[in-house]
Amino acid sequence: MKRLAITGICPLCICVLAATSAFAQKARKPGPQSKPEAAAVTAMLQAQTPDDQIRTADELITRFSNTDFKSFALGIEADAYEGKGNHEKAIVFCEQAIAADPKNFDAEILMANIIAASTKDTDLDKADKLANAAKFAKEALDTIPTVPKPVLFQMTDDAWTTQKNAASARAWQAMGLIATVQKKPDEAIDNYEKGLALVPDPILMMRVARALEAQKKYDEAISWLDKAVASPTASAQIKDIAGKDKVRITGEKGKA
């Protein structure tokens, strides 16, 4: 599962501590099988920087090679490497996470987004890259409705639904990016809006705006940028980027 918005101590740590009772039972239950493993999982979940996330995830997998958290830890490493801008290593760890658990839809979605966002018109293998990205995104979208609430983490049904919706929105973002590279703005907008129907993500709003800009639909694009800036989940960075986009598009509108 992908980190939603980690601020302070990850709420999943609570469930890891609760899961330590598993090794008090004779029958093996999913979760940490010893106190040291539980401590290693908790350290990974509490890590805040990409470097610390990579270090603690690697320590967990190295010390406890049969941990039930292997795919999750590999996914954390993939996400951390992507946060550092290392797309190649992020893809490698996505592949390992999927190999450890073929139903790790978060790893599939991250892979799809990385490939789609890094594919250029000049790439000789552009078609193959985009087809691969679409494969991962579509597989994730098919998998998400079928995956039961994970037993490794304690969460409410509502929290699980929220997490699945967020993952699906990221998958639709990947599909929108693919359509954008293919210069299919209508398809891109449709995919982004499918994501927005699940989660009102200001980043998706900005992507819709840019797709509308490509169609020279400047007023609609500006309206979406205003929505992005007004979003309660928009960070200062997102607001800054949206503001600069609005200035550029307003200038384009004046020249039209």
C-alpha atoms as a PDB file:
ATOM      1  CA  MET A   1       0.000   0.000   0.000  1.00  0.00           C
ATOM      2  CA  LYS A   2       1.277   3.386  -0.854  1.00  0.00           C
ATOM      3  CA  ARG A   3       1.810   5.971   1.839  1.00  0.00           C
ATOM      4  CA  LEU A   4      -1.097   8.373   1.667  1.00  0.00           C
ATOM      5  CA  ALA A   5       0.273  11.500   3.321  1.00  0.00           C
ATOM      6  CA  ILE A   6       2.823  10.743   6.004  1.00  0.00           C
ATOM      7  CA  THR A   7       2.972  13.458   8.609  1.00  0.00           C
ATOM      8  CA  GLY A   8       4.298  12.515  12.013  1.00  0.00           C
ATOM      9  CA  ILE A   9       4.047   8.894  13.086  1.00  0.00           C
ATOM     10  CA  CYS A  10       2.427   6.633  10.524  1.00  0.00           C
ATOM     11  CA  PRO A  11      -0.937   5.331  11.783  1.00  0.00           C
ATOM     12  CA  LEU A  12      -0.026   1.881  10.504  1.00  0.00           C
ATOM     13  CA  CYS A  13       2.535   1.638  13.328  1.00  0.00           C
ATOM     14  CA  ILE A  14      -0.315   1.144  15.775  1.00  0.00           C
ATOM     15  CA  CYS A  15      -1.436  -1.975  13.973  1.00  0.00           C
ATOM     16  CA  VAL A  16       2.108  -3.350  13.886  1.00  0.00           C
ATOM     17  CA  LEU A  17       2.386  -3.040  17.648  1.00  0.00           C
ATOM     18  CA  ALA A  18      -0.958  -4.759  18.004  1.00  0.00           C
ATOM     19  CA  ALA A  19       0.205  -7.514  15.696  1.00  0.00           C
ATOM     20  CA  THR A  20       3.049  -8.465  18.040  1.00  0.00           C
ATOM     21  CA  SER A  21       0.573 -10.657  19.877  1.00  0.00           C
ATOM     22  CA  ALA A  22       0.722 -12.954  16.852  1.00  0.00           C
ATOM     23  CA  PHE A  23       3.941 -14.581  17.994  1.00  0.00           C
ATOM     24  CA  ALA A  24       2.381 -15.351  21.388  1.00  0.00           C
ATOM     25  CA  GLN A  25       0.119 -17.827  19.617  1.00  0.00           C
ATOM     26  CA  LYS A  26       1.109 -21.364  18.638  1.00  0.00           C
ATOM     27  CA  ALA A  27      -0.448 -21.100  15.195  1.00  0.00           C
ATOM     28  CA  ARG A  28       1.344 -18.710  12.861  1.00  0.00           C
ATOM     29  CA  LYS A  29      -0.635 -15.592  12.086  1.00  0.00           C
ATOM     30  CA  PRO A  30       0.183 -12.903   9.519  1.00  0.00           C
ATOM     31  CA  GLY A  31       2.359 -10.144  10.894  1.00  0.00           C
ATOM     32  CA  PRO A  32       5.651  -9.847  12.789  1.00  0.00           C
ATOM     33  CA  GLN A  33       6.817 -13.191  14.124  1.00  0.00           C
ATOM     34  CA  SER A  34       9.072 -11.787  16.842  1.00  0.00           C
ATOM     35  CA  LYS A  35       9.592  -8.618  18.835  1.00  0.00           C
ATOM     36  CA  PRO A  36      12.737  -7.707  16.861  1.00  0.00           C
ATOM     37  CA  GLU A  37      10.803  -8.048  13.594  1.00  0.00           C
ATOM     38  CA  ALA A  38       7.975  -5.921  14.987  1.00  0.00           C
ATOM     39  CA  ALA A  39      10.518  -3.272  15.973  1.00  0.00           C
ATOM     40  CA  ALA A  40      12.040  -3.362  12.487  1.00  0.00           C
ATOM     41  CA  VAL A  41       8.624  -2.943  10.850  1.00  0.00           C
ATOM     42  CA  THR A  42       7.752  -0.069  13.169  1.00  0.00           C
ATOM     43  CA  ALA A  43      11.082   1.641  12.396  1.00  0.00           C
ATOM     44  CA  MET A  44      10.341   1.369   8.674  1.00  0.00           C
ATOM     45  CA  LEU A  45       6.874   2.829   9.070  1.00  0.00           C
ATOM     46  CA  GLN A  46       8.130   5.695  11.215  1.00  0.00           C
ATOM     47  CA  ALA A  47      10.944   6.644   8.821  1.00  0.00           C
ATOM     48  CA  GLN A  48      10.329  10.112   7.402  1.00  0.00           C
ATOM     49  CA  THR A  49      13.032  10.768   4.805  1.00  0.00           C
ATOM     50  CA  PRO A  50      13.559   8.736   1.623  1.00  0.00           C
ATOM     51  CA  ASP A  51      17.023   7.696   2.785  1.00  0.00           C
ATOM     52  CA  ASP A  52      15.684   6.478   6.129  1.00  0.00           C
ATOM     53  CA  GLN A  53      12.816   4.681   4.431  1.00  0.00           C
ATOM     54  CA  ILE A  54      15.247   2.877   2.130  1.00  0.00           C
ATOM     55  CA  ARG A  55      17.579   1.992   4.996  1.00  0.00           C
ATOM     56  CA  THR A  56      14.909   0.662   7.346  1.00  0.00           C
ATOM     57  CA  ALA A  57      13.051  -1.255   4.631  1.00  0.00           C
ATOM     58  CA  ASP A  58      16.303  -2.867   3.521  1.00  0.00           C
ATOM     59  CA  GLU A  59      17.190  -3.745   7.115  1.00  0.00           C
ATOM     60  CA  LEU A  60      13.802  -5.423   7.600  1.00  0.00           C
ATOM     61  CA  ILE A  61      14.127  -7.532   4.453  1.00  0.00           C
ATOM     62  CA  THR A  62      17.763  -8.413   5.149  1.00  0.00           C
ATOM     63  CA  ARG A  63      17.240  -9.440   8.781  1.00  0.00           C
ATOM     64  CA  PHE A  64      13.870 -11.137   8.245  1.00  0.00           C
ATOM     65  CA  SER A  65      13.935 -12.613   4.741  1.00  0.00           C
ATOM     66  CA  ASN A  66      10.569 -14.362   5.213  1.00  0.00           C
ATOM     67  CA  THR A  67       8.746 -11.346   6.614  1.00  0.00           C
ATOM     68  CA  ASP A  68       5.130 -10.959   5.604  1.00  0.00           C
ATOM     69  CA  PHE A  69       5.959  -7.297   4.970  1.00  0.00           C
ATOM     70  CA  LYS A  70       8.453  -8.041   2.166  1.00  0.00           C
ATOM     71  CA  SER A  71       6.377  -6.748  -0.758  1.00  0.00           C
ATOM     72  CA  PHE A  72       5.237  -3.762   1.270  1.00  0.00           C
ATOM     73  CA  ALA A  73       8.837  -2.935   2.236  1.00  0.00           C
ATOM     74  CA  LEU A  74      10.022  -3.236  -1.357  1.00  0.00           C
ATOM     75  CA  GLY A  75       7.199  -0.894  -2.358  1.00  0.00           C
ATOM     76  CA  ILE A  76       8.341   1.618   0.244  1.00  0.00           C
ATOM     77  CA  GLU A  77      11.857   1.469  -1.206  1.00  0.00           C
ATOM     78  CA  ALA A  78      10.486   1.996  -4.713  1.00  0.00           C
ATOM     79  CA  ASP A  79       8.479   5.016  -3.590  1.00  0.00           C
ATOM     80  CA  ALA A  80      11.482   6.421  -1.716  1.00  0.00           C
ATOM     81  CA  TYR A  81      13.771   6.081  -4.724  1.00  0.00           C
ATOM     82  CA  GLU A  82      11.161   7.806  -6.877  1.00  0.00           C
ATOM     83  CA  GLY A  83      11.046  10.585  -4.295  1.00  0.00           C
ATOM     84  CA  LYS A  84      14.810  10.956  -4.781  1.00  0.00           C
ATOM     85  CA  GLY A  85      14.330  11.173  -8.552  1.00  0.00           C
ATOM     86  CA  ASN A  86      15.963   7.799  -9.214  1.00  0.00           C
ATOM     87  CA  HIS A  87      13.440   6.360 -11.681  1.00  0.00           C
ATOM     88  CA  GLU A  88      15.606   3.376 -12.606  1.00  0.00           C
ATOM     89  CA  LYS A  89      15.945   2.069  -9.053  1.00  0.00           C
ATOM     90  CA  ALA A  90      12.285   2.842  -8.358  1.00  0.00           C
ATOM     91  CA  ILE A  91      11.292   0.595 -11.258  1.00  0.00           C
ATOM     92  CA  VAL A  92      13.640  -2.171 -10.073  1.00  0.00           C
ATOM     93  CA  PHE A  93      12.049  -2.180  -6.617  1.00  0.00           C
ATOM     94  CA  CYS A  94       8.529  -2.004  -8.094  1.00  0.00           C
ATOM     95  CA  GLU A  95       9.342  -5.145 -10.063  1.00  0.00           C
ATOM     96  CA  GLN A  96      10.642  -6.867  -6.929  1.00  0.00           C
ATOM     97  CA  ALA A  97       7.557  -5.831  -4.954  1.00  0.00           C
ATOM     98  CA  ILE A  98       5.272  -7.257  -7.634  1.00  0.00           C
ATOM     99  CA  ALA A  99       7.331 -10.470  -7.763  1.00  0.00           C
ATOM    100  CA  ALA A 100       6.897 -10.824  -3.993  1.00  0.00           C
ATOM    101  CA  ASP A 101       3.154 -10.151  -4.239  1.00  0.00           C
ATOM    102  CA  PRO A 102       1.493 -10.069  -7.693  1.00  0.00           C
ATOM    103  CA  LYS A 103      -1.468  -8.249  -6.132  1.00  0.00           C
ATOM    104  CA  ASN A 104       0.623  -5.304  -4.947  1.00  0.00           C
ATOM    105  CA  PHE A 105      -1.375  -2.802  -6.971  1.00  0.00           C
ATOM    106  CA  ASP A 106       0.449   0.170  -5.485  1.00  0.00           C
ATOM    107  CA  ALA A 107       3.714  -1.049  -7.021  1.00  0.00           C
ATOM    108  CA  GLU A 108       1.981  -1.564 -10.367  1.00  0.00           C
ATOM    109  CA  ILE A 109       0.538   1.956 -10.244  1.00  0.00           C
ATOM    110  CA  LEU A 110       3.849   3.544  -9.295  1.00  0.00           C
ATOM    111  CA  MET A 111       5.539   1.689 -12.153  1.00  0.00           C
ATOM    112  CA  ALA A 112       2.855   2.807 -14.610  1.00  0.00           C
ATOM    113  CA  ASN A 113       3.188   6.451 -13.556  1.00  0.00           C
ATOM    114  CA  ILE A 114       6.990   6.428 -13.703  1.00  0.00           C
ATOM    115  CA  ILE A 115       7.079   4.898 -17.176  1.00  0.00           C
ATOM    116  CA  ALA A 116       4.343   7.163 -18.533  1.00  0.00           C
ATOM    117  CA  ALA A 117       5.836  10.343 -17.063  1.00  0.00           C
ATOM    118  CA  SER A 118       9.361   9.584 -18.283  1.00  0.00           C
ATOM    119  CA  THR A 119       8.475   8.503 -21.838  1.00  0.00           C
ATOM    120  CA  LYS A 120       9.333  11.058 -24.525  1.00  0.00           C
ATOM    121  CA  ASP A 121       8.177  11.527 -28.098  1.00  0.00           C
ATOM    122  CA  THR A 122      11.699  10.890 -29.315  1.00  0.00           C
ATOM    123  CA  ASP A 123      12.004   7.494 -27.612  1.00  0.00           C
ATOM    124  CA  LEU A 124      12.360   4.816 -30.268  1.00  0.00           C
ATOM    125  CA  ASP A 125      10.551   2.389 -27.980  1.00  0.00           C
ATOM    126  CA  LYS A 126       7.818   4.872 -27.030  1.00  0.00           C
ATOM    127  CA  ALA A 127       4.968   2.583 -28.097  1.00  0.00           C
ATOM    128  CA  ASP A 128       6.343  -0.356 -26.112  1.00  0.00           C
ATOM    129  CA  LYS A 129       6.892   1.782 -23.012  1.00  0.00           C
ATOM    130  CA  LEU A 130       3.374   3.194 -23.104  1.00  0.00           C
ATOM    131  CA  ALA A 131       1.863  -0.234 -23.714  1.00  0.00           C
ATOM    132  CA  ASN A 132       3.765  -1.538 -20.690  1.00  0.00           C
ATOM    133  CA  ALA A 133       2.596   1.378 -18.540  1.00  0.00           C
ATOM    134  CA  ALA A 134      -1.008   0.839 -19.637  1.00  0.00           C
ATOM    135  CA  LYS A 135      -0.710  -2.871 -18.819  1.00  0.00           C
ATOM    136  CA  PHE A 136       0.323  -2.161 -15.232  1.00  0.00           C
ATOM    137  CA  ALA A 137      -2.318   0.556 -14.731  1.00  0.00           C
ATOM    138  CA  LYS A 138      -5.125  -1.606 -16.124  1.00  0.00           C
ATOM    139  CA  GLU A 139      -4.044  -4.631 -14.092  1.00  0.00           C
ATOM    140  CA  ALA A 140      -4.125  -2.498 -10.966  1.00  0.00           C
ATOM    141  CA  LEU A 141      -7.577  -1.140 -11.776  1.00  0.00           C
ATOM    142  CA  ASP A 142      -8.800  -4.717 -12.256  1.00  0.00           C
ATOM    143  CA  THR A 143      -7.124  -5.930  -9.053  1.00  0.00           C
ATOM    144  CA  ILE A 144      -8.157  -3.177  -6.631  1.00  0.00           C
ATOM    145  CA  PRO A 145     -11.869  -4.134  -6.361  1.00  0.00           C
ATOM    146  CA  THR A 146     -10.964  -7.769  -5.675  1.00  0.00           C
ATOM    147  CA  VAL A 147      -8.377  -7.292  -2.926  1.00  0.00           C
ATOM    148  CA  PRO A 148      -9.727  -7.822   0.606  1.00  0.00           C
ATOM    149  CA  LYS A 149      -8.786  -5.545   3.460  1.00  0.00           C
ATOM    150  CA  PRO A 150      -5.197  -6.457   4.380  1.00  0.00           C
ATOM    151  CA  VAL A 151      -4.745  -8.534   7.506  1.00  0.00           C
ATOM    152  CA  LEU A 152      -1.292  -7.065   8.163  1.00  0.00           C
ATOM    153  CA  PHE A 153      -2.744  -3.667   9.004  1.00  0.00           C
ATOM    154  CA  GLN A 154      -5.630  -2.700  11.234  1.00  0.00           C
ATOM    155  CA  MET A 155      -7.929  -0.259   9.496  1.00  0.00           C
ATOM    156  CA  THR A 156     -11.628   0.445   9.224  1.00  0.00           C
ATOM    157  CA  ASP A 157     -13.644  -0.460   6.159  1.00  0.00           C
ATOM    158  CA  ASP A 158     -13.981   3.253   5.369  1.00  0.00           C
ATOM    159  CA  ALA A 159     -10.213   3.730   5.568  1.00  0.00           C
ATOM    160  CA  TRP A 160      -9.666   0.788   3.218  1.00  0.00           C
ATOM    161  CA  THR A 161     -12.186   2.197   0.751  1.00  0.00           C
ATOM    162  CA  THR A 162     -10.448   5.577   0.893  1.00  0.00           C
ATOM    163  CA  GLN A 163      -7.090   3.936   0.253  1.00  0.00           C
ATOM    164  CA  LYS A 164      -8.405   1.946  -2.695  1.00  0.00           C
ATOM    165  CA  ASN A 165     -10.005   5.060  -4.199  1.00  0.00           C
ATOM    166  CA  ALA A 166      -6.725   6.946  -3.883  1.00  0.00           C
ATOM    167  CA  ALA A 167      -4.880   4.090  -5.594  1.00  0.00           C
ATOM    168  CA  SER A 168      -7.435   3.951  -8.405  1.00  0.00           C
ATOM    169  CA  ALA A 169      -7.113   7.706  -8.903  1.00  0.00           C
ATOM    170  CA  ARG A 170      -3.348   7.307  -9.310  1.00  0.00           C
ATOM    171  CA  ALA A 171      -3.939   4.535 -11.853  1.00  0.00           C
ATOM    172  CA  TRP A 172      -6.240   6.824 -13.839  1.00  0.00           C
ATOM    173  CA  GLN A 173      -3.560   9.498 -13.647  1.00  0.00           C
ATOM    174  CA  ALA A 174      -1.144   7.059 -15.308  1.00  0.00           C
ATOM    175  CA  MET A 175      -3.692   6.383 -18.026  1.00  0.00           C
ATOM    176  CA  GLY A 176      -4.088  10.137 -18.516  1.00  0.00           C
ATOM    177  CA  LEU A 177      -0.323  10.598 -18.793  1.00  0.00           C
ATOM    178  CA  ILE A 178      -0.173   7.848 -21.396  1.00  0.00           C
ATOM    179  CA  ALA A 179      -2.877   9.567 -23.456  1.00  0.00           C
ATOM    180  CA  THR A 180      -1.048  12.884 -23.072  1.00  0.00           C
ATOM    181  CA  VAL A 181       2.170  11.440 -24.523  1.00  0.00           C
ATOM    182  CA  GLN A 182       0.064   9.971 -27.328  1.00  0.00           C
ATOM    183  CA  LYS A 183      -1.310  13.483 -27.953  1.00  0.00           C
ATOM    184  CA  LYS A 184      -4.880  12.435 -27.178  1.00  0.00           C
ATOM    185  CA  PRO A 185      -6.058  15.306 -24.933  1.00  0.00           C
ATOM    186  CA  ASP A 186      -9.720  14.262 -24.881  1.00  0.00           C
ATOM    187  CA  GLU A 187      -8.781  10.787 -23.675  1.00  0.00           C
ATOM    188  CA  ALA A 188      -6.351  12.259 -21.165  1.00  0.00           C
ATOM    189  CA  ILE A 189      -9.027  14.553 -19.720  1.00  0.00           C
ATOM    190  CA  ASP A 190     -11.489  11.662 -19.491  1.00  0.00           C
ATOM    191  CA  ASN A 191      -8.965   9.569 -17.564  1.00  0.00           C
ATOM    192  CA  TYR A 192      -8.010  12.396 -15.218  1.00  0.00           C
ATOM    193  CA  GLU A 193     -11.668  13.110 -14.511  1.00  0.00           C
ATOM    194  CA  LYS A 194     -12.245   9.446 -13.676  1.00  0.00           C
ATOM    195  CA  GLY A 195      -9.557   9.861 -11.055  1.00  0.00           C
ATOM    196  CA  LEU A 196     -11.102  13.094  -9.802  1.00  0.00           C
ATOM    197  CA  ALA A 197     -14.436  11.337  -9.382  1.00  0.00           C
ATOM    198  CA  LEU A 198     -12.711   9.189  -6.759  1.00  0.00           C
ATOM    199  CA  VAL A 199     -10.395  11.753  -5.135  1.00  0.00           C
ATOM    200  CA  PRO A 200     -10.486  15.567  -5.625  1.00  0.00           C
ATOM    201  CA  ASP A 201      -6.723  15.685  -6.138  1.00  0.00           C
ATOM    202  CA  PRO A 202      -5.400  19.165  -7.082  1.00  0.00           C
ATOM    203  CA  ILE A 203      -2.597  17.560  -9.109  1.00  0.00           C
ATOM    204  CA  LEU A 204      -5.179  15.871 -11.311  1.00  0.00           C
ATOM    205  CA  MET A 205      -6.955  19.220 -11.624  1.00  0.00           C
ATOM    206  CA  MET A 206      -3.734  20.775 -12.934  1.00  0.00           C
ATOM    207  CA  ARG A 207      -3.313  17.912 -15.388  1.00  0.00           C
ATOM    208  CA  VAL A 208      -6.829  18.513 -16.706  1.00  0.00           C
ATOM    209  CA  ALA A 209      -5.959  22.190 -17.100  1.00  0.00           C
ATOM    210  CA  ARG A 210      -2.850  21.414 -19.119  1.00  0.00           C
ATOM    211  CA  ALA A 211      -4.755  19.029 -21.369  1.00  0.00           C
ATOM    212  CA  LEU A 212      -7.338  21.766 -21.974  1.00  0.00           C
ATOM    213  CA  GLU A 213      -4.509  24.209 -22.654  1.00  0.00           C
ATOM    214  CA  ALA A 214      -3.273  21.868 -25.398  1.00  0.00           C
ATOM    215  CA  GLN A 215      -6.736  22.185 -26.953  1.00  0.00           C
ATOM    216  CA  LYS A 216      -6.581  26.001 -26.610  1.00  0.00           C
ATOM    217  CA  LYS A 217      -9.561  25.889 -24.243  1.00  0.00           C
ATOM    218  CA  TYR A 218      -8.027  28.568 -22.084  1.00  0.00           C
ATOM    219  CA  ASP A 219     -11.023  29.640 -19.993  1.00  0.00           C
ATOM    220  CA  GLU A 220     -11.772  26.047 -18.980  1.00  0.00           C
ATOM    221  CA  ALA A 221      -8.105  25.476 -18.202  1.00  0.00           C
ATOM    222  CA  ILE A 222      -7.961  28.563 -15.977  1.00  0.00           C
ATOM    223  CA  SER A 223     -11.119  27.428 -14.174  1.00  0.00           C
ATOM    224  CA  TRP A 224      -9.482  24.096 -13.307  1.00  0.00           C
ATOM    225  CA  LEU A 225      -6.351  25.861 -12.081  1.00  0.00           C
ATOM    226  CA  ASP A 226      -8.477  28.027  -9.809  1.00  0.00           C
ATOM    227  CA  LYS A 227     -10.048  24.835  -8.410  1.00  0.00           C
ATOM    228  CA  ALA A 228      -6.596  23.385  -7.798  1.00  0.00           C
ATOM    229  CA  VAL A 229      -5.447  26.479  -5.888  1.00  0.00           C
ATOM    230  CA  ALA A 230      -8.666  26.495  -3.843  1.00  0.00           C
ATOM    231  CA  SER A 231      -8.369  22.804  -2.953  1.00  0.00           C
ATOM    232  CA  PRO A 232      -7.918  22.270   0.803  1.00  0.00           C
ATOM    233  CA  THR A 233      -5.327  19.575   0.070  1.00  0.00           C
ATOM    234  CA  ALA A 234      -3.204  21.764  -2.216  1.00  0.00           C
ATOM    235  CA  SER A 235       0.290  22.299  -0.848  1.00  0.00           C
ATOM    236  CA  ALA A 236       2.166  25.574  -1.210  1.00  0.00           C
ATOM    237  CA  GLN A 237       4.187  24.002  -4.021  1.00  0.00           C
ATOM    238  CA  ILE A 238       1.068  22.920  -5.902  1.00  0.00           C
ATOM    239  CA  LYS A 239      -0.460  26.386  -5.519  1.00  0.00           C
ATOM    240  CA  ASP A 240       2.742  27.958  -6.823  1.00  0.00           C
ATOM    241  CA  ILE A 241       2.837  25.700  -9.894  1.00  0.00           C
ATOM    242  CA  ALA A 242      -0.869  26.251 -10.575  1.00  0.00           C
ATOM    243  CA  GLY A 243      -0.375  30.002 -10.269  1.00  0.00           C
ATOM    244  CA  LYS A 244       2.475  29.957 -12.784  1.00  0.00           C
ATOM    245  CA  ASP A 245       0.398  27.815 -15.142  1.00  0.00           C
ATOM    246  CA  LYS A 246      -2.421  30.332 -14.886  1.00  0.00           C
ATOM    247  CA  VAL A 247      -0.097  33.205 -15.771  1.00  0.00           C
ATOM    248  CA  ARG A 248       1.200  31.303 -18.796  1.00  0.00           C
ATOM    249  CA  ILE A 249      -2.252  30.262 -20.021  1.00  0.00           C
ATOM    250  CA  THR A 250      -3.648  33.758 -19.494  1.00  0.00           C
ATOM    251  CA  GLY A 251      -0.830  35.046 -21.687  1.00  0.00           C
ATOM    252  CA  GLU A 252      -1.606  32.456 -24.341  1.00  0.00           C
ATOM    253  CA  LYS A 253      -5.261  33.451 -24.225  1.00  0.00           C
ATOM    254  CA  GLY A 254      -4.335  37.093 -24.835  1.00  0.00           C
ATOM    255  CA  LYS A 255      -2.401  36.159 -27.965  1.00  0.00           C
ATOM    256  CA  ALA A 256      -5.151  33.935 -29.361  1.00  0.00           C
END
